């Protein structure tokens, strides 16, 4: 399926990233309405992928042009080490859609109970609420009172659970002193499925997760009723969104691929394309110099393109 899907996206000028795995499909794509509909129709023509959950975010023609790298204001991040590229589509084959490092945990076989955004506020007043995103995502926004595991990678989640809940080693299950119920959430509702399956396999009686994730909640729940605090990090050129899926205020540090605020960009550690206050100390002198060299190459490339266009006019 990978090659015909990639070929179709390229033919329809659809950009973004798609992951294919034995447990399903996940991705984010951008294009004109008709082109995206064509790609979705092809995906859903596969019997295994019927009933996809979709989150749509309409964009203006200008925003679509920026996304595809067709304008001078497009991000200078279209290189192989960027978290996402604007000028083509990547279709990857992986063992897991989200890497938990435990292939035996299957959301296809067992998963928690889905809770709609409109029912979420009432639910999280009772069980513990667990954020299953990484630390840089949580730094810019989370649900009020949610427990933050402070993980830097998703595969750290099982060990965090083992450390924070009492495990009966003889049965490899949590004992009666552990919480009976747990509600969890993630960006789009995909990442929650695997940890919910994991907790159920370990003896949790009730596990809930937010259907459609934070994005669906921000889309459907009015701001004056919302329990969400801050903005939501997204893995596309918007970087972050607010209530109503409005464009957020954060930008991306291309040194570490993490969100930065206006205040971060005023800090002495900030250098465009090189570092920010969150990654400055973790980068070696050599890494910073390589990043500077890459930025010079990108800028020289833009200048060359601009000069060529001027000569052809």
Protein backbone atom coordinates (compact mmCIF):
# COMPACT_ATOMS: atom_id res chain seq x y z
CA UNK A 1 0.00 0.00 0.00
CA UNK A 2 2.89 2.38 0.68
CA UNK A 3 3.99 3.01 -2.90
CA UNK A 4 0.55 3.56 -4.51
CA UNK A 5 -0.44 5.82 -1.58
CA UNK A 6 2.73 7.89 -1.89
CA UNK A 7 2.36 8.07 -5.68
CA UNK A 8 -1.23 9.29 -5.34
CA UNK A 9 -0.28 11.98 -2.81
CA UNK A 10 2.50 13.24 -5.08
CA UNK A 11 0.21 13.24 -8.09
CA UNK A 12 -2.48 15.15 -6.17
CA UNK A 13 0.08 17.58 -4.61
CA UNK A 14 -0.82 16.44 -1.10
CA UNK A 15 1.95 16.95 1.46
CA UNK A 16 2.49 15.77 5.03
CA UNK A 17 3.36 12.52 6.78
CA UNK A 18 1.63 9.13 7.00
CA UNK A 19 2.57 6.07 9.09
CA UNK A 20 1.47 2.55 8.14
CA UNK A 21 1.76 -0.25 10.70
CA UNK A 22 0.16 -3.66 11.37
CA UNK A 23 -2.11 -1.96 13.93
CA UNK A 24 -3.42 0.70 11.51
CA UNK A 25 -2.66 4.09 10.00
CA UNK A 26 -1.98 7.57 11.33
CA UNK A 27 -0.95 10.81 9.70
CA UNK A 28 -1.46 14.45 8.87
CA UNK A 29 -1.82 15.69 5.30
CA UNK A 30 -2.53 18.99 3.58
CA UNK A 31 -3.84 19.90 0.14
CA UNK A 32 -6.88 21.20 -1.68
CA UNK A 33 -10.24 19.82 -0.58
CA UNK A 34 -10.62 17.62 -3.69
CA UNK A 35 -7.08 16.25 -3.51
CA UNK A 36 -7.35 15.34 0.18
CA UNK A 37 -10.74 13.69 -0.45
CA UNK A 38 -9.16 11.59 -3.22
CA UNK A 39 -6.40 10.39 -0.89
CA UNK A 40 -8.88 9.58 1.89
CA UNK A 41 -11.09 7.66 -0.54
CA UNK A 42 -8.10 5.57 -1.62
CA UNK A 43 -7.11 4.81 1.99
CA UNK A 44 -10.64 3.81 2.97
CA UNK A 45 -11.02 1.58 -0.08
CA UNK A 46 -8.88 -0.86 1.92
CA UNK A 47 -11.27 -2.97 4.01
CA UNK A 48 -8.83 -2.90 6.95
CA UNK A 49 -9.06 0.89 7.16
CA UNK A 50 -12.80 1.47 7.06
CA UNK A 51 -14.22 3.95 9.56
CA UNK A 52 -11.22 6.25 9.93
CA UNK A 53 -11.51 9.01 12.55
CA UNK A 54 -10.78 12.31 10.86
CA UNK A 55 -9.99 15.77 12.20
CA UNK A 56 -10.33 18.46 9.54
CA UNK A 57 -8.82 21.95 9.79
CA UNK A 58 -9.73 24.16 6.79
CA UNK A 59 -6.99 26.55 5.64
CA UNK A 60 -6.95 29.52 3.29
CA UNK A 61 -5.25 29.26 -0.15
CA UNK A 62 -2.44 31.43 1.24
CA UNK A 63 -1.89 29.09 4.19
CA UNK A 64 -1.93 26.08 1.86
CA UNK A 65 0.73 27.73 -0.33
CA UNK A 66 2.90 28.38 2.72
CA UNK A 67 2.46 24.77 3.84
CA UNK A 68 3.66 23.48 0.45
CA UNK A 69 6.71 25.76 0.44
CA UNK A 70 5.51 27.83 -2.51
CA UNK A 71 5.95 31.24 -0.84
CA UNK A 72 8.90 33.19 0.53
CA UNK A 73 7.30 33.01 3.99
CA UNK A 74 7.41 29.20 3.99
CA UNK A 75 9.54 27.79 6.84
CA UNK A 76 13.22 27.15 6.13
CA UNK A 77 12.85 23.66 7.52
CA UNK A 78 12.44 21.55 4.41
CA UNK A 79 15.43 19.35 5.11
CA UNK A 80 15.64 15.66 6.00
CA UNK A 81 16.07 16.23 9.73
CA UNK A 82 12.99 18.46 10.01
CA UNK A 83 10.07 16.95 11.96
CA UNK A 84 7.83 17.50 8.97
CA UNK A 85 8.37 18.82 5.48
CA UNK A 86 6.11 21.13 3.56
CA UNK A 87 7.04 20.24 -0.01
CA UNK A 88 6.35 16.51 -0.17
CA UNK A 89 4.66 13.60 1.56
CA UNK A 90 6.42 10.93 3.58
CA UNK A 91 4.79 7.50 3.88
CA UNK A 92 6.62 5.32 6.40
CA UNK A 93 6.28 1.67 7.34
CA UNK A 94 6.75 1.06 11.07
CA UNK A 95 6.25 -1.76 13.56
CA UNK A 96 4.10 0.50 15.77
CA UNK A 97 2.17 3.67 14.98
CA UNK A 98 3.31 5.16 18.26
CA UNK A 99 6.39 3.49 19.69
CA UNK A 100 5.68 2.07 23.11
CA UNK A 101 8.28 -0.65 22.69
CA UNK A 102 5.75 -3.34 23.61
CA UNK A 103 4.35 -4.94 20.42
CA UNK A 104 2.35 -7.38 22.57
CA UNK A 105 0.13 -4.50 23.77
CA UNK A 106 -2.52 -4.30 21.07
CA UNK A 107 -5.31 -1.68 20.96
CA UNK A 108 -6.92 -3.83 18.26
CA UNK A 109 -7.63 -6.54 20.84
CA UNK A 110 -8.39 -4.40 23.90
CA UNK A 111 -8.83 -0.69 24.45
CA UNK A 112 -10.31 1.70 27.01
CA UNK A 113 -13.71 3.39 26.88
CA UNK A 114 -14.02 6.40 24.58
CA UNK A 115 -15.46 9.56 26.12
CA UNK A 116 -16.79 12.38 23.94
CA UNK A 117 -15.48 15.94 24.43
CA UNK A 118 -18.87 17.07 25.76
CA UNK A 119 -18.79 14.37 28.48
CA UNK A 120 -15.12 14.83 29.36
CA UNK A 121 -15.50 17.63 31.92
CA UNK A 122 -17.85 15.60 34.06
CA UNK A 123 -15.70 12.47 33.84
CA UNK A 124 -12.37 13.97 34.90
CA UNK A 125 -13.82 15.27 38.15
CA UNK A 126 -13.77 11.66 39.41
CA UNK A 127 -10.91 9.37 38.25
CA UNK A 128 -7.27 10.39 38.10
CA UNK A 129 -6.54 12.17 34.82
CA UNK A 130 -3.31 11.21 33.08
CA UNK A 131 -1.54 13.09 30.31
CA UNK A 132 0.26 10.64 27.97
CA UNK A 133 2.10 13.22 25.86
CA UNK A 134 5.76 14.13 26.20
CA UNK A 135 7.18 16.88 28.40
CA UNK A 136 7.64 19.49 25.65
CA UNK A 137 3.98 19.12 24.63
CA UNK A 138 2.75 19.38 28.21
CA UNK A 139 4.92 22.43 28.85
CA UNK A 140 2.62 24.62 26.74
CA UNK A 141 -0.76 23.22 27.79
CA UNK A 142 -2.69 20.53 29.71
CA UNK A 143 -6.00 19.81 31.40
CA UNK A 144 -6.45 21.34 34.82
CA UNK A 145 -5.22 18.98 37.55
CA UNK A 146 -3.88 16.32 35.17
CA UNK A 147 -1.00 14.10 36.24
CA UNK A 148 2.11 14.68 34.10
CA UNK A 149 4.53 11.70 33.80
CA UNK A 150 7.24 14.12 32.53
CA UNK A 151 8.38 11.58 29.93
CA UNK A 152 10.69 12.70 27.12
CA UNK A 153 9.65 9.80 24.87
CA UNK A 154 6.51 7.67 24.67
CA UNK A 155 8.40 4.41 25.27
CA UNK A 156 9.17 5.71 28.81
CA UNK A 157 5.50 5.40 29.79
CA UNK A 158 5.47 1.71 30.94
CA UNK A 159 8.40 2.22 33.30
CA UNK A 160 6.79 5.38 34.71
CA UNK A 161 3.61 3.40 35.41
CA UNK A 162 5.55 0.61 37.10
CA UNK A 163 7.31 3.14 39.34
CA UNK A 164 4.19 5.07 40.33
CA UNK A 165 1.71 2.25 40.91
CA UNK A 166 2.20 -0.79 43.11
CA UNK A 167 2.86 -3.88 41.03
CA UNK A 168 2.28 -7.40 42.30
CA UNK A 169 5.45 -8.95 40.89
CA UNK A 170 4.15 -12.51 41.25
CA UNK A 171 1.20 -11.79 38.92
CA UNK A 172 2.72 -8.86 36.99
CA UNK A 173 -0.45 -6.89 37.72
CA UNK A 174 -1.27 -3.88 39.84
CA UNK A 175 -2.65 -4.76 43.26
CA UNK A 176 -5.76 -3.53 45.04
CA UNK A 177 -4.08 -0.38 46.40
CA UNK A 178 -3.65 1.00 42.87
CA UNK A 179 -6.33 3.32 41.39
CA UNK A 180 -9.39 1.51 40.07
CA UNK A 181 -10.06 3.97 37.24
CA UNK A 182 -7.98 6.26 35.05
CA UNK A 183 -8.85 8.84 32.40
CA UNK A 184 -6.19 9.75 29.85
CA UNK A 185 -5.81 12.10 26.93
CA UNK A 186 -3.44 12.90 24.07
CA UNK A 187 -3.32 15.23 21.06
CA UNK A 188 -5.58 13.46 18.58
CA UNK A 189 -6.82 10.40 20.46
CA UNK A 190 -4.44 7.91 18.80
CA UNK A 191 -1.61 7.72 21.31
CA UNK A 192 -4.05 7.02 24.19
CA UNK A 193 -5.19 3.72 22.72
CA UNK A 194 -1.98 1.84 23.43
CA UNK A 195 -1.47 2.98 27.06
CA UNK A 196 -5.16 2.34 27.76
CA UNK A 197 -4.69 -1.22 26.52
CA UNK A 198 -1.53 -1.49 28.63
CA UNK A 199 -3.27 -0.36 31.84
CA UNK A 200 -6.18 -2.74 31.28
CA UNK A 201 -3.74 -5.63 30.83
CA UNK A 202 -2.16 -4.68 34.17
CA UNK A 203 -5.39 -4.87 36.13
CA UNK A 204 -6.97 -1.41 35.99
CA UNK A 205 -10.74 -1.92 36.04
CA UNK A 206 -11.83 1.26 34.24
CA UNK A 207 -9.75 3.15 31.70
CA UNK A 208 -11.19 6.05 29.71
CA UNK A 209 -9.72 8.21 26.99
CA UNK A 210 -10.80 11.39 25.27
CA UNK A 211 -12.29 10.58 21.87
CA UNK A 212 -10.64 12.67 19.18
CA UNK A 213 -8.12 13.94 21.71
CA UNK A 214 -7.39 17.50 22.74
CA UNK A 215 -7.98 18.74 19.20
CA UNK A 216 -11.58 17.55 19.12
CA UNK A 217 -12.14 18.96 22.61
CA UNK A 218 -10.81 22.39 21.60
CA UNK A 219 -12.98 22.27 18.48
CA UNK A 220 -16.24 21.36 20.23
CA UNK A 221 -16.11 22.72 23.80
CA UNK A 222 -16.63 26.50 24.21
CA UNK A 223 -13.76 28.35 25.85
CA UNK A 224 -15.93 29.50 28.75
CA UNK A 225 -16.72 25.84 29.61
CA UNK A 226 -13.25 24.47 28.96
CA UNK A 227 -10.94 22.87 31.51
CA UNK A 228 -8.00 23.13 29.11
CA UNK A 229 -5.19 25.48 30.12
CA UNK A 230 -2.68 26.83 27.60
CA UNK A 231 -2.24 25.78 23.97
CA UNK A 232 -1.95 22.40 22.24
CA UNK A 233 1.22 21.42 20.38
CA UNK A 234 0.54 19.98 16.91
CA UNK A 235 2.88 18.21 14.51
CA UNK A 236 2.44 20.53 11.55
CA UNK A 237 3.32 24.06 10.48
CA UNK A 238 0.85 25.64 12.94
CA UNK A 239 3.03 24.44 15.87
CA UNK A 240 0.23 25.11 18.37
CA UNK A 241 -3.52 25.74 18.40
CA UNK A 242 -5.95 27.29 20.86
CA UNK A 243 -9.70 26.95 21.42
CA UNK A 244 -11.64 26.64 18.19
CA UNK A 245 -8.41 25.30 16.62
CA UNK A 246 -7.30 28.89 16.10
CA UNK A 247 -3.62 29.43 15.32
CA UNK A 248 -1.56 29.48 18.52
CA UNK A 249 1.29 31.78 19.53
CA UNK A 250 4.18 29.30 19.63
CA UNK A 251 6.92 28.90 17.02
CA UNK A 252 9.27 25.96 16.46
CA UNK A 253 12.92 25.70 17.43
CA UNK A 254 14.49 23.92 14.45
CA UNK A 255 17.41 22.96 16.68
CA UNK A 256 15.32 20.62 18.87
CA UNK A 257 11.94 20.56 17.03
CA UNK A 258 10.13 21.79 20.15
CA UNK A 259 7.79 24.77 20.73
CA UNK A 260 9.13 28.15 21.80
CA UNK A 261 7.31 31.23 23.06
CA UNK A 262 8.00 34.88 22.28
CA UNK A 263 9.80 35.09 25.63
CA UNK A 264 11.99 32.10 24.68
CA UNK A 265 13.02 33.90 21.49
CA UNK A 266 14.13 36.92 23.51
CA UNK A 267 16.47 34.78 25.64
CA UNK A 268 20.25 34.81 25.01
CA UNK A 269 20.16 31.04 24.27
CA UNK A 270 17.89 31.58 21.28
CA UNK A 271 19.48 31.40 17.83
CA UNK A 272 17.23 30.78 14.85
CA UNK A 273 17.66 27.27 13.49
CA UNK A 274 20.33 26.47 16.08
CA UNK A 275 19.12 26.47 19.69
CA UNK A 276 16.61 27.73 22.24
CA UNK A 277 16.52 27.92 26.08
CA UNK A 278 15.19 24.35 26.17
CA UNK A 279 18.01 22.73 24.17
CA UNK A 280 20.97 25.12 24.40
CA UNK A 281 22.74 23.28 27.23
CA UNK A 282 22.18 19.84 25.70
CA UNK A 283 23.89 20.71 22.40
CA UNK A 284 27.63 20.53 21.88
CA UNK A 285 29.65 23.28 20.22
CA UNK A 286 30.01 21.02 17.15
CA UNK A 287 26.25 20.46 16.91
CA UNK A 288 25.56 24.19 17.07
CA UNK A 289 28.13 24.92 14.39
CA UNK A 290 26.65 22.27 12.09
CA UNK A 291 23.22 23.83 12.60
CA UNK A 292 24.61 27.28 11.72
CA UNK A 293 26.19 25.86 8.58
CA UNK A 294 22.86 24.28 7.61
CA UNK A 295 21.08 27.61 8.09
CA UNK A 296 23.65 29.35 5.88
CA UNK A 297 23.09 26.74 3.17
CA UNK A 298 19.32 27.14 3.38
CA UNK A 299 19.54 30.93 3.18
CA UNK A 300 21.99 30.74 0.26
CA UNK A 301 19.58 28.40 -1.48
CA UNK A 302 16.68 30.82 -1.05
CA UNK A 303 18.84 33.68 -2.34
CA UNK A 304 19.84 31.63 -5.40
CA UNK A 305 16.22 30.80 -6.16
CA UNK A 306 15.20 34.45 -5.79
CA UNK A 307 18.05 35.55 -8.12
CA UNK A 308 17.10 32.95 -10.73
CA UNK A 309 13.50 34.08 -10.68
CA UNK A 310 14.55 37.71 -11.04
CA UNK A 311 16.68 36.91 -14.09
CA UNK A 312 13.83 35.00 -15.70
CA UNK A 313 11.33 37.82 -15.27
